[in-house]
C-alpha cells in the first residue's frame, strides 16, 4: 500500500490517501478541507477513488467531504 499524508486546512489536519499500487484503487481518510487540492491530486493520476472514510465528525474533518464524494460519486463512511 502507498500512504500519502496531505496536511490541509487552517487546523493543519492530516488527510491520508491510501492507494493500492497494483490496482490503483484508493481511499481518502479525513479529507475535511482544501477539496479542490484533494480532487486535483487524483484527477492527474491513474487512481480510482473507491470511498471516503472519516475517523470522526469534527468540522475540520468533514467541512468539504461533500465536494469530494459528489465529484467522484463515491460513498462516505464514518
N, C-alpha and C. Protein backbone atom coordinates (compact mmCIF):
# COMPACT_ATOMS: atom_id res chain seq x y z
N UNK A 1 0.83 -1.18 0.00
CA UNK A 1 0.00 0.00 0.00
C UNK A 1 0.88 1.25 0.00
N UNK A 2 0.39 2.24 -0.69
CA UNK A 2 1.04 3.54 -0.70
C UNK A 2 0.21 4.45 0.19
N UNK A 3 0.84 5.11 1.14
CA UNK A 3 0.14 6.02 2.04
C UNK A 3 0.75 7.40 1.88
N UNK A 4 -0.09 8.34 1.44
CA UNK A 4 0.35 9.73 1.30
C UNK A 4 -0.34 10.56 2.38
N UNK A 5 0.43 11.32 3.12
CA UNK A 5 -0.12 12.23 4.11
C UNK A 5 -0.17 13.62 3.50
N UNK A 6 -1.35 14.23 3.56
CA UNK A 6 -1.56 15.56 2.99
C UNK A 6 -2.11 16.45 4.10
N UNK A 7 -1.39 17.49 4.46
CA UNK A 7 -1.84 18.40 5.51
C UNK A 7 -2.70 19.49 4.88
N UNK A 8 -3.93 19.64 5.40
CA UNK A 8 -4.88 20.58 4.79
C UNK A 8 -5.57 21.44 5.84
N UNK A 9 -6.06 22.58 5.40
CA UNK A 9 -6.91 23.43 6.21
C UNK A 9 -6.19 24.28 7.23
N UNK A 10 -6.96 25.19 7.82
CA UNK A 10 -6.40 26.12 8.81
C UNK A 10 -6.03 25.43 10.12
N UNK A 11 -6.57 24.24 10.34
CA UNK A 11 -6.20 23.47 11.52
C UNK A 11 -4.99 22.57 11.26
N UNK A 12 -4.44 22.61 10.05
CA UNK A 12 -3.30 21.78 9.65
C UNK A 12 -3.57 20.31 9.97
N UNK A 13 -4.73 19.85 9.50
CA UNK A 13 -5.19 18.49 9.74
C UNK A 13 -4.56 17.53 8.74
N UNK A 14 -4.23 16.35 9.19
CA UNK A 14 -3.68 15.34 8.29
C UNK A 14 -4.79 14.56 7.61
N UNK A 15 -4.72 14.52 6.31
CA UNK A 15 -5.60 13.71 5.47
C UNK A 15 -4.71 12.63 4.87
N UNK A 16 -5.28 11.47 4.66
CA UNK A 16 -4.48 10.36 4.13
C UNK A 16 -5.09 9.83 2.84
N UNK A 17 -4.25 9.61 1.87
CA UNK A 17 -4.64 8.96 0.63
C UNK A 17 -3.96 7.59 0.63
N UNK A 18 -4.77 6.54 0.63
CA UNK A 18 -4.26 5.17 0.65
C UNK A 18 -4.49 4.58 -0.74
N UNK A 19 -3.43 4.12 -1.38
CA UNK A 19 -3.51 3.63 -2.76
C UNK A 19 -2.98 2.21 -2.83
N UNK A 20 -3.73 1.36 -3.50
CA UNK A 20 -3.23 0.00 -3.79
C UNK A 20 -2.34 0.14 -5.03
N UNK A 21 -1.05 -0.20 -4.94
CA UNK A 21 -0.13 0.07 -6.03
C UNK A 21 -0.40 -0.72 -7.31
N UNK A 22 -1.02 -1.87 -7.19
CA UNK A 22 -1.26 -2.69 -8.38
C UNK A 22 -2.57 -2.36 -9.09
N UNK A 23 -3.60 -2.04 -8.32
CA UNK A 23 -4.91 -1.78 -8.94
C UNK A 23 -5.20 -0.30 -9.15
N UNK A 24 -4.51 0.57 -8.40
CA UNK A 24 -4.79 2.00 -8.48
C UNK A 24 -6.03 2.40 -7.71
N UNK A 25 -6.67 1.46 -7.00
CA UNK A 25 -7.82 1.80 -6.17
C UNK A 25 -7.34 2.52 -4.93
N UNK A 26 -8.16 3.48 -4.48
CA UNK A 26 -7.72 4.32 -3.37
C UNK A 26 -8.88 4.72 -2.48
N UNK A 27 -8.53 5.19 -1.29
CA UNK A 27 -9.50 5.79 -0.38
C UNK A 27 -8.88 7.06 0.20
N UNK A 28 -9.75 7.99 0.56
CA UNK A 28 -9.32 9.16 1.33
C UNK A 28 -9.79 8.96 2.75
N UNK A 29 -8.93 9.29 3.70
CA UNK A 29 -9.28 9.29 5.11
C UNK A 29 -9.18 10.73 5.61
N UNK A 30 -10.26 11.24 6.17
CA UNK A 30 -10.34 12.59 6.76
C UNK A 30 -10.01 13.73 5.80
N UNK A 31 -10.64 13.78 4.62
CA UNK A 31 -10.37 14.88 3.69
C UNK A 31 -11.29 16.08 3.95
N UNK A 32 -11.09 16.76 5.07
CA UNK A 32 -12.05 17.78 5.50
C UNK A 32 -11.86 19.17 4.97
N UNK A 33 -10.77 19.46 4.29
CA UNK A 33 -10.52 20.82 3.81
C UNK A 33 -9.75 20.76 2.50
N UNK A 34 -9.71 21.90 1.82
CA UNK A 34 -8.98 22.04 0.56
C UNK A 34 -9.39 20.97 -0.46
N UNK A 35 -10.69 20.80 -0.62
CA UNK A 35 -11.21 19.75 -1.51
C UNK A 35 -10.71 19.92 -2.94
N UNK A 36 -10.54 21.14 -3.42
CA UNK A 36 -10.03 21.33 -4.79
C UNK A 36 -8.64 20.72 -4.95
N UNK A 37 -7.79 20.93 -3.97
CA UNK A 37 -6.45 20.35 -3.98
C UNK A 37 -6.53 18.82 -3.97
N UNK A 38 -7.39 18.27 -3.12
CA UNK A 38 -7.50 16.83 -2.99
C UNK A 38 -8.10 16.19 -4.25
N UNK A 39 -9.03 16.87 -4.88
CA UNK A 39 -9.60 16.39 -6.15
C UNK A 39 -8.51 16.41 -7.23
N UNK A 40 -7.75 17.49 -7.29
CA UNK A 40 -6.67 17.60 -8.29
C UNK A 40 -5.62 16.51 -8.11
N UNK A 41 -5.33 16.14 -6.86
CA UNK A 41 -4.32 15.10 -6.61
C UNK A 41 -4.71 13.78 -7.28
N UNK A 42 -6.00 13.52 -7.40
CA UNK A 42 -6.45 12.27 -8.04
C UNK A 42 -6.70 12.44 -9.52
N UNK A 43 -7.13 13.60 -9.93
CA UNK A 43 -7.50 13.83 -11.33
C UNK A 43 -6.32 13.73 -12.27
N UNK A 44 -5.14 14.00 -11.78
CA UNK A 44 -3.95 13.99 -12.62
C UNK A 44 -3.20 12.66 -12.58
N UNK A 45 -3.82 11.65 -11.97
CA UNK A 45 -3.17 10.35 -11.83
C UNK A 45 -4.16 9.24 -12.20
N UNK A 46 -3.65 8.08 -12.44
CA UNK A 46 -4.49 6.93 -12.78
C UNK A 46 -4.92 6.23 -11.49
N UNK A 47 -5.78 6.93 -10.73
CA UNK A 47 -6.25 6.44 -9.44
C UNK A 47 -7.77 6.40 -9.45
N UNK A 48 -8.33 5.32 -8.93
CA UNK A 48 -9.78 5.13 -8.86
C UNK A 48 -10.21 5.21 -7.40
N UNK A 49 -10.76 6.36 -7.01
CA UNK A 49 -11.22 6.52 -5.63
C UNK A 49 -12.44 5.65 -5.41
N UNK A 50 -12.40 4.82 -4.36
CA UNK A 50 -13.49 3.88 -4.07
C UNK A 50 -14.45 4.42 -3.02
N UNK A 51 -13.94 5.11 -2.00
CA UNK A 51 -14.79 5.71 -0.98
C UNK A 51 -13.97 6.67 -0.12
N UNK A 52 -14.69 7.42 0.71
CA UNK A 52 -14.09 8.34 1.68
C UNK A 52 -14.51 7.86 3.06
N UNK A 53 -13.58 7.87 3.98
CA UNK A 53 -13.89 7.47 5.35
C UNK A 53 -13.34 8.53 6.31
N UNK A 54 -14.12 8.83 7.33
CA UNK A 54 -13.68 9.78 8.34
C UNK A 54 -13.58 9.09 9.69
N UNK A 55 -12.61 9.54 10.47
CA UNK A 55 -12.40 8.96 11.80
C UNK A 55 -13.38 9.53 12.82
N UNK A 56 -13.88 10.74 12.57
CA UNK A 56 -14.88 11.37 13.43
C UNK A 56 -15.50 12.56 12.71
N UNK A 57 -16.45 13.23 13.34
CA UNK A 57 -17.26 14.27 12.67
C UNK A 57 -16.90 15.71 13.00
N UNK A 58 -15.77 15.99 13.55
CA UNK A 58 -15.43 17.39 13.81
C UNK A 58 -15.36 18.15 12.49
N UNK A 59 -15.61 19.44 12.55
CA UNK A 59 -15.71 20.28 11.35
C UNK A 59 -14.45 20.23 10.49
N UNK A 60 -13.27 20.13 11.12
CA UNK A 60 -12.03 20.11 10.35
C UNK A 60 -11.88 18.82 9.55
N UNK A 61 -12.66 17.81 9.89
CA UNK A 61 -12.60 16.53 9.18
C UNK A 61 -13.73 16.38 8.16
N UNK A 62 -14.77 17.20 8.27
CA UNK A 62 -15.96 16.98 7.42
C UNK A 62 -16.37 18.17 6.55
N UNK A 63 -15.79 19.33 6.74
CA UNK A 63 -16.28 20.55 6.10
C UNK A 63 -16.42 20.45 4.58
N UNK A 64 -15.50 19.77 3.90
CA UNK A 64 -15.54 19.73 2.44
C UNK A 64 -15.63 18.31 1.87
N UNK A 65 -16.06 17.38 2.70
CA UNK A 65 -16.19 16.00 2.23
C UNK A 65 -17.20 15.90 1.09
N UNK A 66 -18.28 16.65 1.18
CA UNK A 66 -19.34 16.54 0.15
C UNK A 66 -18.82 16.88 -1.24
N UNK A 67 -17.90 17.84 -1.35
CA UNK A 67 -17.35 18.17 -2.66
C UNK A 67 -16.60 16.98 -3.26
N UNK A 68 -15.89 16.26 -2.45
CA UNK A 68 -15.11 15.11 -2.93
C UNK A 68 -16.02 13.95 -3.30
N UNK A 69 -16.96 13.60 -2.43
CA UNK A 69 -17.82 12.45 -2.74
C UNK A 69 -18.75 12.74 -3.91
N UNK A 70 -19.17 14.00 -4.05
CA UNK A 70 -20.01 14.35 -5.20
C UNK A 70 -19.21 14.36 -6.51
N UNK A 71 -17.99 14.83 -6.45
CA UNK A 71 -17.15 14.87 -7.66
C UNK A 71 -16.86 13.46 -8.18
N UNK A 72 -16.48 12.57 -7.27
CA UNK A 72 -16.08 11.21 -7.69
C UNK A 72 -17.23 10.21 -7.62
N UNK A 73 -18.38 10.66 -7.08
CA UNK A 73 -19.56 9.77 -6.96
C UNK A 73 -19.21 8.50 -6.20
N UNK A 74 -18.67 8.69 -5.00
CA UNK A 74 -18.27 7.58 -4.13
C UNK A 74 -19.00 7.68 -2.80
N UNK A 75 -19.13 6.55 -2.10
CA UNK A 75 -19.77 6.59 -0.77
C UNK A 75 -18.88 7.21 0.29
N UNK A 76 -19.54 7.64 1.36
CA UNK A 76 -18.87 8.25 2.51
C UNK A 76 -19.21 7.44 3.75
N UNK A 77 -18.20 7.05 4.48
CA UNK A 77 -18.38 6.28 5.72
C UNK A 77 -17.74 7.01 6.89
N UNK A 78 -18.34 6.80 8.05
CA UNK A 78 -17.78 7.41 9.25
C UNK A 78 -17.92 6.45 10.42
